[in-house]
N, C-alpha and C. Protein backbone atom coordinates (compact mmCIF):
# COMPACT_ATOMS: atom_id res chain seq x y z
N UNK A 1 -20.16 2.93 -5.67
CA UNK A 1 -20.01 1.77 -4.82
C UNK A 1 -20.21 2.22 -3.38
N UNK A 2 -20.95 1.45 -2.66
CA UNK A 2 -21.18 1.76 -1.26
C UNK A 2 -19.93 1.49 -0.44
N UNK A 3 -19.81 2.22 0.65
CA UNK A 3 -18.65 2.06 1.52
C UNK A 3 -18.57 0.64 2.07
N UNK A 4 -19.70 0.07 2.40
CA UNK A 4 -19.72 -1.29 2.93
C UNK A 4 -19.18 -2.29 1.90
N UNK A 5 -19.59 -2.13 0.64
CA UNK A 5 -19.10 -3.01 -0.42
C UNK A 5 -17.59 -2.84 -0.61
N UNK A 6 -17.14 -1.60 -0.60
CA UNK A 6 -15.72 -1.33 -0.75
C UNK A 6 -14.92 -2.02 0.35
N UNK A 7 -15.37 -1.86 1.59
CA UNK A 7 -14.65 -2.45 2.72
C UNK A 7 -14.67 -3.98 2.67
N UNK A 8 -15.80 -4.56 2.28
CA UNK A 8 -15.88 -6.02 2.18
C UNK A 8 -14.91 -6.52 1.12
N UNK A 9 -14.88 -5.87 -0.04
CA UNK A 9 -13.97 -6.30 -1.10
C UNK A 9 -12.51 -6.05 -0.73
N UNK A 10 -12.26 -4.99 0.01
CA UNK A 10 -10.90 -4.72 0.46
C UNK A 10 -10.44 -5.78 1.46
N UNK A 11 -11.31 -6.18 2.36
CA UNK A 11 -10.96 -7.24 3.31
C UNK A 11 -10.73 -8.56 2.58
N UNK A 12 -11.60 -8.89 1.63
CA UNK A 12 -11.43 -10.13 0.87
C UNK A 12 -10.12 -10.11 0.09
N UNK A 13 -9.83 -9.02 -0.59
CA UNK A 13 -8.59 -8.90 -1.35
C UNK A 13 -7.35 -8.97 -0.47
N UNK A 14 -7.43 -8.34 0.70
CA UNK A 14 -6.31 -8.37 1.62
C UNK A 14 -6.09 -9.78 2.16
N UNK A 15 -7.17 -10.48 2.48
CA UNK A 15 -7.03 -11.85 2.95
C UNK A 15 -6.45 -12.76 1.87
N UNK A 16 -6.91 -12.60 0.64
CA UNK A 16 -6.38 -13.41 -0.46
C UNK A 16 -4.89 -13.12 -0.67
N UNK A 17 -4.50 -11.85 -0.63
CA UNK A 17 -3.09 -11.53 -0.81
C UNK A 17 -2.25 -12.00 0.38
N UNK A 18 -2.81 -11.98 1.58
CA UNK A 18 -2.10 -12.51 2.74
C UNK A 18 -1.89 -14.01 2.63
N UNK A 19 -2.92 -14.74 2.18
CA UNK A 19 -2.78 -16.17 1.96
C UNK A 19 -1.76 -16.44 0.85
N UNK A 20 -1.79 -15.63 -0.20
CA UNK A 20 -0.82 -15.79 -1.28
C UNK A 20 0.60 -15.56 -0.77
N UNK A 21 0.78 -14.58 0.10
CA UNK A 21 2.11 -14.32 0.66
C UNK A 21 2.58 -15.51 1.49
N UNK A 22 1.70 -16.07 2.30
CA UNK A 22 2.06 -17.24 3.11
C UNK A 22 2.41 -18.42 2.21
N UNK A 23 1.64 -18.63 1.15
CA UNK A 23 1.94 -19.72 0.23
C UNK A 23 3.28 -19.52 -0.48
N UNK A 24 3.53 -18.29 -0.90
CA UNK A 24 4.80 -17.99 -1.57
C UNK A 24 5.97 -18.23 -0.61
N UNK A 25 5.82 -17.78 0.63
CA UNK A 25 6.90 -17.97 1.61
C UNK A 25 7.14 -19.44 1.93
N UNK A 26 6.08 -20.23 1.95
CA UNK A 26 6.22 -21.63 2.32
C UNK A 26 6.61 -22.55 1.17
N UNK A 27 6.16 -22.26 -0.04
CA UNK A 27 6.30 -23.23 -1.12
C UNK A 27 7.22 -22.83 -2.27
N UNK A 28 7.67 -21.61 -2.30
CA UNK A 28 8.52 -21.20 -3.42
C UNK A 28 9.94 -21.00 -2.92
N UNK A 29 10.86 -21.69 -3.55
CA UNK A 29 12.28 -21.56 -3.24
C UNK A 29 12.80 -20.35 -4.01
N UNK A 30 13.29 -19.32 -3.32
CA UNK A 30 13.72 -18.11 -4.03
C UNK A 30 14.92 -18.34 -4.95
N UNK A 31 15.74 -19.32 -4.65
CA UNK A 31 16.90 -19.57 -5.50
C UNK A 31 16.54 -20.37 -6.75
N UNK A 32 15.49 -21.20 -6.66
CA UNK A 32 15.13 -22.03 -7.79
C UNK A 32 13.98 -21.49 -8.62
N UNK A 33 13.20 -20.58 -8.07
CA UNK A 33 12.02 -20.09 -8.77
C UNK A 33 12.33 -19.01 -9.80
N UNK A 34 13.45 -18.34 -9.65
CA UNK A 34 13.84 -17.31 -10.61
C UNK A 34 13.02 -16.04 -10.45
N UNK A 35 12.87 -15.34 -11.55
CA UNK A 35 12.20 -14.04 -11.55
C UNK A 35 10.70 -14.14 -11.25
N UNK A 36 10.08 -15.22 -11.68
CA UNK A 36 8.64 -15.38 -11.43
C UNK A 36 8.37 -15.52 -9.94
N UNK A 37 9.15 -16.32 -9.25
CA UNK A 37 8.98 -16.50 -7.81
C UNK A 37 9.21 -15.20 -7.05
N UNK A 38 10.26 -14.48 -7.43
CA UNK A 38 10.52 -13.20 -6.78
C UNK A 38 9.42 -12.19 -7.09
N UNK A 39 8.95 -12.19 -8.31
CA UNK A 39 7.85 -11.29 -8.67
C UNK A 39 6.59 -11.58 -7.87
N UNK A 40 6.27 -12.87 -7.73
CA UNK A 40 5.11 -13.24 -6.91
C UNK A 40 5.28 -12.80 -5.46
N UNK A 41 6.50 -12.93 -4.95
CA UNK A 41 6.77 -12.50 -3.58
C UNK A 41 6.54 -11.01 -3.42
N UNK A 42 7.14 -10.20 -4.29
CA UNK A 42 7.02 -8.75 -4.16
C UNK A 42 5.59 -8.27 -4.40
N UNK A 43 4.88 -8.89 -5.32
CA UNK A 43 3.48 -8.50 -5.56
C UNK A 43 2.62 -8.86 -4.37
N UNK A 44 2.81 -10.04 -3.79
CA UNK A 44 2.00 -10.43 -2.64
C UNK A 44 2.33 -9.60 -1.41
N UNK A 45 3.61 -9.24 -1.23
CA UNK A 45 3.97 -8.34 -0.11
C UNK A 45 3.32 -6.99 -0.30
N UNK A 46 3.42 -6.45 -1.51
CA UNK A 46 2.84 -5.14 -1.80
C UNK A 46 1.33 -5.13 -1.55
N UNK A 47 0.63 -6.12 -2.09
CA UNK A 47 -0.82 -6.15 -1.95
C UNK A 47 -1.27 -6.40 -0.51
N UNK A 48 -0.60 -7.28 0.19
CA UNK A 48 -1.02 -7.57 1.56
C UNK A 48 -0.73 -6.40 2.49
N UNK A 49 0.41 -5.77 2.36
CA UNK A 49 0.71 -4.61 3.21
C UNK A 49 -0.15 -3.43 2.82
N UNK A 50 -0.34 -3.21 1.53
CA UNK A 50 -1.20 -2.11 1.10
C UNK A 50 -2.62 -2.26 1.60
N UNK A 51 -3.19 -3.45 1.49
CA UNK A 51 -4.55 -3.68 1.96
C UNK A 51 -4.67 -3.59 3.47
N UNK A 52 -3.71 -4.17 4.17
CA UNK A 52 -3.74 -4.13 5.63
C UNK A 52 -3.62 -2.70 6.15
N UNK A 53 -2.68 -1.95 5.62
CA UNK A 53 -2.50 -0.58 6.07
C UNK A 53 -3.67 0.32 5.67
N UNK A 54 -4.28 0.04 4.54
CA UNK A 54 -5.47 0.80 4.15
C UNK A 54 -6.60 0.55 5.13
N UNK A 55 -6.84 -0.70 5.46
CA UNK A 55 -7.92 -1.02 6.39
C UNK A 55 -7.64 -0.48 7.79
N UNK A 56 -6.40 -0.66 8.26
CA UNK A 56 -6.06 -0.13 9.59
C UNK A 56 -6.13 1.40 9.62
N UNK A 57 -5.67 2.04 8.55
CA UNK A 57 -5.75 3.49 8.46
C UNK A 57 -7.17 3.99 8.44
N UNK A 58 -8.05 3.27 7.73
CA UNK A 58 -9.44 3.69 7.70
C UNK A 58 -10.10 3.54 9.06
N UNK A 59 -9.85 2.41 9.72
CA UNK A 59 -10.43 2.20 11.05
C UNK A 59 -9.94 3.27 12.01
N UNK A 60 -8.65 3.58 11.95
CA UNK A 60 -8.10 4.62 12.82
C UNK A 60 -8.74 5.98 12.54
N UNK A 61 -8.86 6.33 11.27
CA UNK A 61 -9.46 7.62 10.91
C UNK A 61 -10.94 7.67 11.30
N UNK A 62 -11.64 6.58 11.09
CA UNK A 62 -13.05 6.54 11.43
C UNK A 62 -13.23 6.68 12.94
N UNK A 63 -12.38 6.05 13.71
CA UNK A 63 -12.47 6.10 15.16
C UNK A 63 -12.12 7.49 15.69
N UNK A 64 -11.13 8.15 15.08
CA UNK A 64 -10.65 9.44 15.57
C UNK A 64 -11.45 10.63 15.02
N UNK A 65 -11.96 10.51 13.80
CA UNK A 65 -12.61 11.65 13.13
C UNK A 65 -13.97 11.24 12.57
N UNK A 66 -14.88 10.96 13.44
CA UNK A 66 -16.19 10.47 12.99
C UNK A 66 -17.02 11.54 12.28
N UNK A 67 -16.70 12.80 12.47
CA UNK A 67 -17.49 13.86 11.86
C UNK A 67 -17.11 14.14 10.41
N UNK A 68 -15.98 13.63 9.96
CA UNK A 68 -15.55 13.87 8.59
C UNK A 68 -16.28 12.95 7.61
N UNK A 69 -16.24 13.32 6.35
CA UNK A 69 -16.85 12.52 5.30
C UNK A 69 -16.07 11.22 5.14
N UNK A 70 -16.78 10.09 5.14
CA UNK A 70 -16.12 8.78 5.12
C UNK A 70 -15.32 8.53 3.85
N UNK A 71 -15.81 9.00 2.71
CA UNK A 71 -15.11 8.72 1.47
C UNK A 71 -13.78 9.46 1.38
N UNK A 72 -13.67 10.61 2.04
CA UNK A 72 -12.37 11.28 2.11
C UNK A 72 -11.40 10.48 2.98
N UNK A 73 -11.92 9.90 4.04
CA UNK A 73 -11.09 9.07 4.90
C UNK A 73 -10.62 7.82 4.17
N UNK A 74 -11.51 7.23 3.37
CA UNK A 74 -11.15 6.04 2.60
C UNK A 74 -10.07 6.39 1.58
N UNK A 75 -10.23 7.51 0.90
CA UNK A 75 -9.25 7.91 -0.12
C UNK A 75 -7.88 8.16 0.49
N UNK A 76 -7.85 8.86 1.61
CA UNK A 76 -6.57 9.14 2.27
C UNK A 76 -5.94 7.86 2.80
N UNK A 77 -6.75 6.98 3.37
CA UNK A 77 -6.23 5.72 3.89
C UNK A 77 -5.67 4.85 2.77
N UNK A 78 -6.37 4.80 1.65
CA UNK A 78 -5.91 4.01 0.51
C UNK A 78 -4.59 4.55 -0.02
N UNK A 79 -4.52 5.84 -0.19
CA UNK A 79 -3.31 6.47 -0.72
C UNK A 79 -2.12 6.22 0.21
N UNK A 80 -2.32 6.40 1.49
CA UNK A 80 -1.22 6.22 2.43
C UNK A 80 -0.85 4.75 2.61
N UNK A 81 -1.83 3.86 2.52
CA UNK A 81 -1.53 2.43 2.58
C UNK A 81 -0.69 1.98 1.40
N UNK A 82 -1.02 2.48 0.22
CA UNK A 82 -0.27 2.14 -0.98
C UNK A 82 1.15 2.73 -0.91
N UNK A 83 1.28 3.96 -0.43
CA UNK A 83 2.60 4.55 -0.32
C UNK A 83 3.48 3.78 0.67
N UNK A 84 2.89 3.35 1.78
CA UNK A 84 3.65 2.55 2.74
C UNK A 84 4.04 1.20 2.15
N UNK A 85 3.14 0.60 1.38
CA UNK A 85 3.47 -0.67 0.72
C UNK A 85 4.59 -0.48 -0.29
N UNK A 86 4.62 0.64 -0.99
CA UNK A 86 5.71 0.94 -1.93
C UNK A 86 7.03 1.03 -1.17
N UNK A 87 7.02 1.71 -0.02
CA UNK A 87 8.25 1.83 0.78
C UNK A 87 8.75 0.45 1.18
N UNK A 88 7.88 -0.40 1.67
CA UNK A 88 8.29 -1.73 2.14
C UNK A 88 8.78 -2.58 0.96
N UNK A 89 8.04 -2.61 -0.13
CA UNK A 89 8.41 -3.45 -1.27
C UNK A 89 9.73 -2.99 -1.90
N UNK A 90 9.90 -1.69 -2.07
CA UNK A 90 11.13 -1.18 -2.66
C UNK A 90 12.31 -1.41 -1.71
N UNK A 91 12.07 -1.25 -0.41
CA UNK A 91 13.13 -1.51 0.56
C UNK A 91 13.57 -2.97 0.51
N UNK A 92 12.62 -3.89 0.44
CA UNK A 92 12.97 -5.31 0.32
C UNK A 92 13.70 -5.61 -0.98
N UNK A 93 13.28 -4.97 -2.06
CA UNK A 93 13.94 -5.16 -3.36
C UNK A 93 15.37 -4.64 -3.32
N UNK A 94 15.57 -3.46 -2.74
CA UNK A 94 16.91 -2.91 -2.62
C UNK A 94 17.80 -3.79 -1.74
N UNK A 95 17.24 -4.28 -0.64
CA UNK A 95 18.01 -5.14 0.25
C UNK A 95 18.39 -6.45 -0.42
N UNK A 96 17.49 -7.00 -1.20
CA UNK A 96 17.78 -8.25 -1.91
C UNK A 96 18.92 -8.09 -2.89
N UNK A 97 19.05 -6.90 -3.45
CA UNK A 97 20.12 -6.62 -4.41
C UNK A 97 21.33 -5.97 -3.77
N UNK A 98 21.37 -5.93 -2.45
CA UNK A 98 22.47 -5.34 -1.68
C UNK A 98 22.70 -3.87 -2.04
N UNK A 99 21.61 -3.16 -2.28
CA UNK A 99 21.69 -1.73 -2.61
C UNK A 99 21.08 -0.83 -1.56
N UNK A 100 20.58 -1.40 -0.48
CA UNK A 100 19.91 -0.61 0.55
C UNK A 100 20.94 0.08 1.43
N UNK A 101 20.91 1.38 1.41
CA UNK A 101 21.73 2.20 2.30
C UNK A 101 20.82 3.20 2.99
N UNK A 102 21.33 3.84 3.99
CA UNK A 102 20.47 4.76 4.73
C UNK A 102 20.06 5.95 3.86
N UNK A 103 20.90 6.38 2.94
CA UNK A 103 20.52 7.52 2.11
C UNK A 103 19.52 7.11 1.02
N UNK A 104 19.58 5.86 0.57
CA UNK A 104 18.54 5.39 -0.36
C UNK A 104 17.18 5.35 0.32
N UNK A 105 17.18 4.83 1.54
CA UNK A 105 15.94 4.76 2.29
C UNK A 105 15.42 6.16 2.62
N UNK A 106 16.33 7.05 2.99
CA UNK A 106 15.94 8.43 3.28
C UNK A 106 15.38 9.11 2.03
N UNK A 107 16.00 8.88 0.88
CA UNK A 107 15.51 9.46 -0.37
C UNK A 107 14.14 8.90 -0.74
N UNK A 108 13.95 7.60 -0.56
CA UNK A 108 12.67 6.98 -0.86
C UNK A 108 11.56 7.52 0.04
N UNK A 109 11.80 7.53 1.33
CA UNK A 109 10.80 8.02 2.28
C UNK A 109 10.57 9.52 2.06
N UNK A 110 11.64 10.27 1.83
CA UNK A 110 11.50 11.71 1.59
C UNK A 110 10.71 12.00 0.32
N UNK A 111 11.00 11.26 -0.74
CA UNK A 111 10.27 11.47 -2.00
C UNK A 111 8.80 11.13 -1.89
N UNK A 112 8.49 10.03 -1.23
CA UNK A 112 7.09 9.66 -1.06
C UNK A 112 6.38 10.58 -0.06
N UNK A 113 7.11 11.09 0.92
CA UNK A 113 6.52 12.07 1.84
C UNK A 113 6.20 13.37 1.12
N UNK A 114 7.10 13.77 0.23
CA UNK A 114 6.86 14.97 -0.57
C UNK A 114 5.65 14.77 -1.49
N UNK A 115 5.54 13.58 -2.08
CA UNK A 115 4.39 13.27 -2.92
C UNK A 115 3.10 13.33 -2.10
N UNK A 116 3.11 12.78 -0.90
CA UNK A 116 1.93 12.83 -0.03
C UNK A 116 1.60 14.27 0.35
N UNK A 117 2.61 15.07 0.63
CA UNK A 117 2.38 16.47 0.96
C UNK A 117 1.74 17.22 -0.22
N UNK A 118 2.24 16.96 -1.41
CA UNK A 118 1.68 17.60 -2.60
C UNK A 118 0.23 17.17 -2.80
N UNK A 119 -0.04 15.89 -2.63
CA UNK A 119 -1.40 15.39 -2.81
C UNK A 119 -2.35 15.95 -1.74
N UNK A 120 -1.85 16.21 -0.54
CA UNK A 120 -2.69 16.78 0.51
C UNK A 120 -2.97 18.26 0.29
N UNK A 121 -2.04 18.96 -0.33
CA UNK A 121 -2.20 20.41 -0.46
C UNK A 121 -2.84 20.85 -1.77
N UNK A 122 -2.95 19.96 -2.74
CA UNK A 122 -3.56 20.33 -4.01
C UNK A 122 -5.04 20.58 -3.80
N UNK A 123 -5.49 21.73 -4.27
CA UNK A 123 -6.91 22.06 -4.18
C UNK A 123 -7.66 21.33 -5.27
N UNK A 124 -8.64 20.59 -4.87
CA UNK A 124 -9.43 19.84 -5.85
C UNK A 124 -10.62 20.70 -6.26
N UNK A 125 -10.65 21.05 -7.53
CA UNK A 125 -11.77 21.81 -8.07
C UNK A 125 -12.46 20.98 -9.13
N UNK A 126 -13.77 21.13 -9.24
CA UNK A 126 -14.47 20.38 -10.28
C UNK A 126 -14.02 20.81 -11.67
N UNK A 127 -13.88 19.86 -12.55
CA UNK A 127 -13.47 20.15 -13.92
C UNK A 127 -14.63 20.77 -14.68
N UNK A 128 -14.29 21.59 -15.63
CA UNK A 128 -15.29 22.19 -16.49
C UNK A 128 -15.21 21.52 -17.84
N UNK A 129 -16.23 20.74 -18.18
CA UNK A 129 -16.21 20.00 -19.44
C UNK A 129 -17.00 20.70 -20.53
N UNK A 130 -17.12 22.00 -20.49
CA UNK A 130 -17.89 22.73 -21.50
C UNK A 130 -17.09 22.93 -22.74
C-alpha cells in the first residue's frame, strides 16, 4: 500500500470515528444505554484518539526527520498513537468504575512505556523460511 493511500484511509477512518464519538456523546444516554452504549463510547474514544495521535505523530516525525524512511515513521507513529489511545481509554474506564488512583495510572503508563522501550530496542532481523 502506498503511503498516500494509507494516510488518506487513516484520515477518513479518524474522521468517521470522531463523528461517531460526537454522535455517541450527543445521542446516547450512558445511564439508559447500558453496556452497548458504554462500549460504543470507549471504542469511538479509542479509535478517534488513536487515529488523531497517529496522524499528528507522523506529521511531527516527517517535519522533524525528513531524511528517515517514511514507513518507519508511520510504524512508530501508529504504535505510539495506539498506546496513547490505550492509556486514555483505560484511564476513562478506570475512572468510570471509581478505580483510578495515581498508582494505577503510574503502573499503566509505566507498563506501556516499558512495552514501547522493548519494541524500540528489539533488533528486527529477516526471518529464514528455509
